[in-house]
Amino acid sequence: MSDVLLGEITALIIEGLQLEDITANEIDINAPLFGEGLGLDSIDALEIAVMLDRNYGVKITSENVGNREIFASITSLVEFVSKNRIK
């Protein structure tokens, strides 16, 4: 996994979702994004999908099989983007 891409996506999530009270160093990249982890919701998932499309050309739609796995953690997002990025 690329440390650069990991840093970019972590920063993108913090800035894009305006998580002002948390820093990249405080985020466990293997923790769940939803529920007990970062506590994100379905609207946040949609916003992340839009940010990843804009920044990396990665398309994630509600029809994607495996969305639950893609959005499981920051690590899984980075792995998905790494394999599927266009930009």
N, C-alpha and C. Protein backbone atom coordinates (compact mmCIF):
# COMPACT_ATOMS: atom_id res chain seq x y z
N MET A 1 0.85 -1.18 0.00
CA MET A 1 0.00 0.00 0.00
C MET A 1 0.89 1.24 0.00
N SER A 2 0.54 2.20 -0.80
CA SER A 2 1.31 3.43 -0.92
C SER A 2 1.05 4.36 0.27
N ASP A 3 2.13 4.72 0.95
CA ASP A 3 2.00 5.66 2.07
C ASP A 3 1.52 7.03 1.59
N VAL A 4 1.94 7.41 0.38
CA VAL A 4 1.51 8.70 -0.18
C VAL A 4 0.01 8.69 -0.40
N LEU A 5 -0.48 7.65 -1.05
CA LEU A 5 -1.92 7.54 -1.31
C LEU A 5 -2.70 7.45 0.00
N LEU A 6 -2.17 6.73 0.96
CA LEU A 6 -2.81 6.64 2.28
C LEU A 6 -2.94 8.03 2.90
N GLY A 7 -1.89 8.80 2.87
CA GLY A 7 -1.92 10.16 3.41
C GLY A 7 -2.89 11.05 2.67
N GLU A 8 -2.90 10.93 1.33
CA GLU A 8 -3.81 11.75 0.52
C GLU A 8 -5.27 11.44 0.85
N ILE A 9 -5.61 10.17 0.90
CA ILE A 9 -7.01 9.79 1.14
C ILE A 9 -7.44 10.12 2.56
N THR A 10 -6.55 9.92 3.52
CA THR A 10 -6.87 10.29 4.90
C THR A 10 -7.13 11.79 5.00
N ALA A 11 -6.27 12.60 4.39
CA ALA A 11 -6.45 14.06 4.39
C ALA A 11 -7.72 14.45 3.66
N LEU A 12 -8.00 13.77 2.56
CA LEU A 12 -9.21 14.05 1.78
C LEU A 12 -10.46 13.81 2.61
N ILE A 13 -10.47 12.73 3.37
CA ILE A 13 -11.63 12.42 4.22
C ILE A 13 -11.77 13.45 5.33
N ILE A 14 -10.67 13.80 5.98
CA ILE A 14 -10.72 14.79 7.06
C ILE A 14 -11.21 16.14 6.55
N GLU A 15 -10.64 16.59 5.44
CA GLU A 15 -11.01 17.90 4.90
C GLU A 15 -12.38 17.87 4.26
N GLY A 16 -12.64 16.86 3.44
CA GLY A 16 -13.90 16.79 2.70
C GLY A 16 -15.11 16.63 3.58
N LEU A 17 -14.95 15.89 4.69
CA LEU A 17 -16.07 15.68 5.61
C LEU A 17 -16.03 16.64 6.79
N GLN A 18 -15.07 17.56 6.76
CA GLN A 18 -14.91 18.58 7.79
C GLN A 18 -14.83 17.97 9.19
N LEU A 19 -13.95 16.99 9.32
CA LEU A 19 -13.71 16.35 10.62
C LEU A 19 -12.66 17.17 11.36
N GLU A 20 -13.05 18.36 11.78
CA GLU A 20 -12.13 19.35 12.32
C GLU A 20 -11.51 18.95 13.66
N ASP A 21 -12.14 18.07 14.39
CA ASP A 21 -11.65 17.72 15.72
C ASP A 21 -10.77 16.47 15.73
N ILE A 22 -10.31 16.05 14.54
CA ILE A 22 -9.47 14.85 14.45
C ILE A 22 -8.33 15.10 13.47
N THR A 23 -7.17 14.52 13.78
CA THR A 23 -6.02 14.64 12.88
C THR A 23 -5.75 13.28 12.25
N ALA A 24 -4.95 13.28 11.20
CA ALA A 24 -4.61 12.04 10.51
C ALA A 24 -3.92 11.05 11.45
N ASN A 25 -3.11 11.55 12.36
CA ASN A 25 -2.40 10.68 13.29
C ASN A 25 -3.32 10.00 14.29
N GLU A 26 -4.49 10.57 14.51
CA GLU A 26 -5.44 10.02 15.47
C GLU A 26 -6.34 8.94 14.86
N ILE A 27 -6.29 8.81 13.55
CA ILE A 27 -7.17 7.86 12.87
C ILE A 27 -6.48 6.50 12.76
N ASP A 28 -7.17 5.49 13.21
CA ASP A 28 -6.71 4.11 13.01
C ASP A 28 -7.16 3.71 11.61
N ILE A 29 -6.19 3.52 10.71
CA ILE A 29 -6.52 3.26 9.31
C ILE A 29 -7.20 1.92 9.09
N ASN A 30 -7.18 1.07 10.10
CA ASN A 30 -7.85 -0.24 10.00
C ASN A 30 -9.18 -0.28 10.74
N ALA A 31 -9.52 0.81 11.42
CA ALA A 31 -10.79 0.87 12.15
C ALA A 31 -11.94 1.05 11.17
N PRO A 32 -13.12 0.60 11.55
CA PRO A 32 -14.29 0.78 10.68
C PRO A 32 -14.57 2.27 10.43
N LEU A 33 -14.99 2.58 9.21
CA LEU A 33 -15.37 3.96 8.91
C LEU A 33 -16.72 4.30 9.51
N PHE A 34 -17.57 3.29 9.65
CA PHE A 34 -18.93 3.51 10.12
C PHE A 34 -19.12 2.88 11.49
N GLY A 35 -20.08 3.40 12.24
CA GLY A 35 -20.36 2.85 13.56
C GLY A 35 -19.28 3.23 14.56
N GLU A 36 -18.70 2.24 15.18
CA GLU A 36 -17.76 2.48 16.29
C GLU A 36 -16.43 3.09 15.87
N GLY A 37 -16.08 3.04 14.61
CA GLY A 37 -14.81 3.62 14.14
C GLY A 37 -14.91 5.14 14.07
N LEU A 38 -14.89 5.67 12.85
CA LEU A 38 -15.01 7.12 12.67
C LEU A 38 -16.43 7.62 12.86
N GLY A 39 -17.38 6.71 12.85
CA GLY A 39 -18.78 7.10 13.07
C GLY A 39 -19.42 7.78 11.87
N LEU A 40 -18.96 7.43 10.68
CA LEU A 40 -19.53 8.03 9.47
C LEU A 40 -20.89 7.41 9.16
N ASP A 41 -21.64 8.06 8.25
CA ASP A 41 -22.94 7.55 7.85
C ASP A 41 -23.02 7.42 6.33
N SER A 42 -24.18 7.06 5.81
CA SER A 42 -24.33 6.81 4.37
C SER A 42 -24.11 8.08 3.54
N ILE A 43 -24.45 9.23 4.06
CA ILE A 43 -24.20 10.49 3.34
C ILE A 43 -22.69 10.71 3.24
N ASP A 44 -21.96 10.41 4.29
CA ASP A 44 -20.50 10.52 4.26
C ASP A 44 -19.92 9.58 3.20
N ALA A 45 -20.47 8.37 3.09
CA ALA A 45 -19.99 7.41 2.09
C ALA A 45 -20.19 7.97 0.69
N LEU A 46 -21.33 8.60 0.46
CA LEU A 46 -21.60 9.22 -0.83
C LEU A 46 -20.60 10.33 -1.11
N GLU A 47 -20.34 11.16 -0.12
CA GLU A 47 -19.37 12.24 -0.29
C GLU A 47 -17.97 11.70 -0.56
N ILE A 48 -17.58 10.63 0.12
CA ILE A 48 -16.27 10.02 -0.12
C ILE A 48 -16.20 9.50 -1.55
N ALA A 49 -17.26 8.84 -2.00
CA ALA A 49 -17.30 8.31 -3.37
C ALA A 49 -17.12 9.44 -4.39
N VAL A 50 -17.76 10.57 -4.18
CA VAL A 50 -17.63 11.71 -5.08
C VAL A 50 -16.20 12.26 -5.06
N MET A 51 -15.61 12.37 -3.86
CA MET A 51 -14.23 12.86 -3.75
C MET A 51 -13.25 11.93 -4.45
N LEU A 52 -13.44 10.63 -4.30
CA LEU A 52 -12.54 9.68 -4.95
C LEU A 52 -12.68 9.72 -6.46
N ASP A 53 -13.90 9.94 -6.93
CA ASP A 53 -14.13 10.08 -8.38
C ASP A 53 -13.41 11.33 -8.90
N ARG A 54 -13.59 12.44 -8.23
CA ARG A 54 -12.97 13.70 -8.67
C ARG A 54 -11.44 13.64 -8.65
N ASN A 55 -10.89 13.05 -7.60
CA ASN A 55 -9.45 13.06 -7.41
C ASN A 55 -8.71 11.93 -8.10
N TYR A 56 -9.37 10.78 -8.26
CA TYR A 56 -8.66 9.61 -8.78
C TYR A 56 -9.37 8.94 -9.95
N GLY A 57 -10.54 9.43 -10.33
CA GLY A 57 -11.28 8.82 -11.42
C GLY A 57 -11.89 7.48 -11.07
N VAL A 58 -12.04 7.21 -9.79
CA VAL A 58 -12.59 5.94 -9.32
C VAL A 58 -14.11 6.07 -9.21
N LYS A 59 -14.81 5.18 -9.87
CA LYS A 59 -16.28 5.19 -9.82
C LYS A 59 -16.77 4.15 -8.83
N ILE A 60 -17.51 4.61 -7.84
CA ILE A 60 -18.16 3.71 -6.88
C ILE A 60 -19.63 4.07 -6.88
N THR A 61 -20.46 3.12 -7.28
CA THR A 61 -21.90 3.36 -7.31
C THR A 61 -22.59 2.42 -6.33
N SER A 62 -23.85 2.67 -6.12
CA SER A 62 -24.61 1.83 -5.19
C SER A 62 -24.76 0.40 -5.73
N GLU A 63 -24.55 0.23 -7.04
CA GLU A 63 -24.66 -1.11 -7.63
C GLU A 63 -23.38 -1.91 -7.49
N ASN A 64 -22.29 -1.28 -7.05
CA ASN A 64 -21.02 -1.99 -6.92
C ASN A 64 -21.17 -3.14 -5.92
N VAL A 65 -20.82 -4.32 -6.37
CA VAL A 65 -20.76 -5.46 -5.45
C VAL A 65 -19.51 -5.25 -4.60
N GLY A 66 -19.65 -5.42 -3.33
CA GLY A 66 -18.48 -5.27 -2.46
C GLY A 66 -18.32 -3.89 -1.86
N ASN A 67 -19.32 -3.03 -1.96
CA ASN A 67 -19.20 -1.69 -1.36
C ASN A 67 -18.90 -1.76 0.14
N ARG A 68 -19.48 -2.72 0.80
CA ARG A 68 -19.25 -2.86 2.24
C ARG A 68 -17.77 -3.11 2.52
N GLU A 69 -17.13 -3.92 1.67
CA GLU A 69 -15.71 -4.19 1.83
C GLU A 69 -14.86 -2.98 1.44
N ILE A 70 -15.26 -2.28 0.38
CA ILE A 70 -14.52 -1.10 -0.08
C ILE A 70 -14.50 -0.04 1.02
N PHE A 71 -15.64 0.18 1.65
CA PHE A 71 -15.78 1.22 2.66
C PHE A 71 -15.56 0.70 4.09
N ALA A 72 -14.94 -0.45 4.24
CA ALA A 72 -14.75 -1.03 5.57
C ALA A 72 -13.80 -0.19 6.42
N SER A 73 -12.74 0.35 5.81
CA SER A 73 -11.74 1.13 6.54
C SER A 73 -10.99 2.01 5.55
N ILE A 74 -10.15 2.87 6.06
CA ILE A 74 -9.32 3.68 5.18
C ILE A 74 -8.37 2.78 4.40
N THR A 75 -7.86 1.75 5.04
CA THR A 75 -6.97 0.82 4.36
C THR A 75 -7.65 0.19 3.15
N SER A 76 -8.89 -0.26 3.31
CA SER A 76 -9.60 -0.88 2.19
C SER A 76 -9.90 0.13 1.09
N LEU A 77 -10.19 1.37 1.45
CA LEU A 77 -10.39 2.41 0.44
C LEU A 77 -9.12 2.65 -0.36
N VAL A 78 -8.00 2.73 0.33
CA VAL A 78 -6.71 2.98 -0.34
C VAL A 78 -6.39 1.82 -1.28
N GLU A 79 -6.60 0.60 -0.85
CA GLU A 79 -6.35 -0.56 -1.70
C GLU A 79 -7.23 -0.53 -2.94
N PHE A 80 -8.51 -0.19 -2.78
CA PHE A 80 -9.43 -0.11 -3.91
C PHE A 80 -9.00 0.98 -4.89
N VAL A 81 -8.68 2.15 -4.37
CA VAL A 81 -8.25 3.26 -5.24
C VAL A 81 -6.96 2.90 -5.95
N SER A 82 -6.04 2.31 -5.25
CA SER A 82 -4.76 1.92 -5.83
C SER A 82 -4.94 1.00 -7.03
N LYS A 83 -5.87 0.08 -6.95
CA LYS A 83 -6.12 -0.89 -8.02
C LYS A 83 -6.98 -0.34 -9.15
N ASN A 84 -7.79 0.69 -8.88
CA ASN A 84 -8.79 1.14 -9.84
C ASN A 84 -8.66 2.57 -10.31
N ARG A 85 -7.65 3.27 -9.87
CA ARG A 85 -7.53 4.69 -10.21
C ARG A 85 -7.22 4.90 -11.67
N ILE A 86 -7.74 6.00 -12.19
CA ILE A 86 -7.50 6.41 -13.57
C ILE A 86 -6.56 7.60 -13.59
N LYS A 87 -6.67 8.46 -12.58
CA LYS A 87 -5.86 9.69 -12.50
C LYS A 87 -4.69 9.50 -11.58
